[in-house]
Every structure is written in C-alpha cells, then in structure tokens.
Amino acid sequence: TQGKAGKVALVAAMRKLLVILNAKMRDQLTASAAS
C-alpha cells in the first residue's frame, strides 16, 4: 500500500505541474495575441 500511496502522490504532483504549465502557456499565448 505504501507504493500505491507514493504513486498517487506522484500522479497528483504531475497533474498540478501540468495545470501550471497549461496556465503559463495560455498566458503567453494571450500576451502574444494581444500585442
């Protein structure tokens, strides 16, 4: 069960990272489109 908990934590961390990356890319796209 310890390995499963670690895997779940890893997935959660990767999802958070993806959300942050998506937000940054969207910010750059809107910024470049506005200029």
C-alpha atoms as a PDB file:
ATOM      1  CA  THR A   1       0.000   0.000   0.000  1.00  0.00           C
ATOM      2  CA  GLN A   2       2.956   2.302   0.559  1.00  0.00           C
ATOM      3  CA  GLY A   3       3.920   2.062  -3.112  1.00  0.00           C
ATOM      4  CA  LYS A   4       0.338   2.833  -4.134  1.00  0.00           C
ATOM      5  CA  ALA A   5       0.290   5.936  -1.923  1.00  0.00           C
ATOM      6  CA  GLY A   6       3.540   7.117  -3.495  1.00  0.00           C
ATOM      7  CA  LYS A   7       2.159   6.550  -6.988  1.00  0.00           C
ATOM      8  CA  VAL A   8      -0.989   8.509  -6.145  1.00  0.00           C
ATOM      9  CA  ALA A   9       1.117  11.372  -4.779  1.00  0.00           C
ATOM     10  CA  LEU A  10       3.256  11.313  -7.932  1.00  0.00           C
ATOM     11  CA  VAL A  11       0.194  11.472 -10.175  1.00  0.00           C
ATOM     12  CA  ALA A  12      -1.225  14.355  -8.144  1.00  0.00           C
ATOM     13  CA  ALA A  13       2.062  16.254  -8.372  1.00  0.00           C
ATOM     14  CA  MET A  14       2.286  15.698 -12.145  1.00  0.00           C
ATOM     15  CA  ARG A  15      -1.295  16.883 -12.610  1.00  0.00           C
ATOM     16  CA  LYS A  16      -0.546  20.039 -10.631  1.00  0.00           C
ATOM     17  CA  LEU A  17       2.552  20.593 -12.767  1.00  0.00           C
ATOM     18  CA  LEU A  18       0.521  20.142 -15.958  1.00  0.00           C
ATOM     19  CA  VAL A  19      -2.067  22.667 -14.776  1.00  0.00           C
ATOM     20  CA  ILE A  20       0.685  25.198 -14.009  1.00  0.00           C
ATOM     21  CA  LEU A  21       2.331  24.605 -17.398  1.00  0.00           C
ATOM     22  CA  ASN A  22      -1.016  24.965 -19.184  1.00  0.00           C
ATOM     23  CA  ALA A  23      -1.711  28.237 -17.380  1.00  0.00           C
ATOM     24  CA  LYS A  24       1.735  29.616 -18.278  1.00  0.00           C
ATOM     25  CA  MET A  25       1.361  28.646 -21.938  1.00  0.00           C
ATOM     26  CA  ARG A  26      -2.127  30.182 -22.058  1.00  0.00           C
ATOM     27  CA  ASP A  27      -0.790  33.387 -20.503  1.00  0.00           C
ATOM     28  CA  GLN A  28       1.985  33.561 -23.114  1.00  0.00           C
ATOM     29  CA  LEU A  29      -0.461  32.885 -25.946  1.00  0.00           C
ATOM     30  CA  THR A  30      -2.871  35.591 -24.805  1.00  0.00           C
ATOM     31  CA  ALA A  31       0.010  38.014 -24.249  1.00  0.00           C
ATOM     32  CA  SER A  32       1.454  37.407 -27.729  1.00  0.00           C
ATOM     33  CA  ALA A  33      -2.008  37.611 -29.292  1.00  0.00           C
ATOM     34  CA  ALA A  34      -2.755  40.903 -27.535  1.00  0.00           C
ATOM     35  CA  SER A  35       0.480  42.573 -28.651  1.00  0.00           C
END
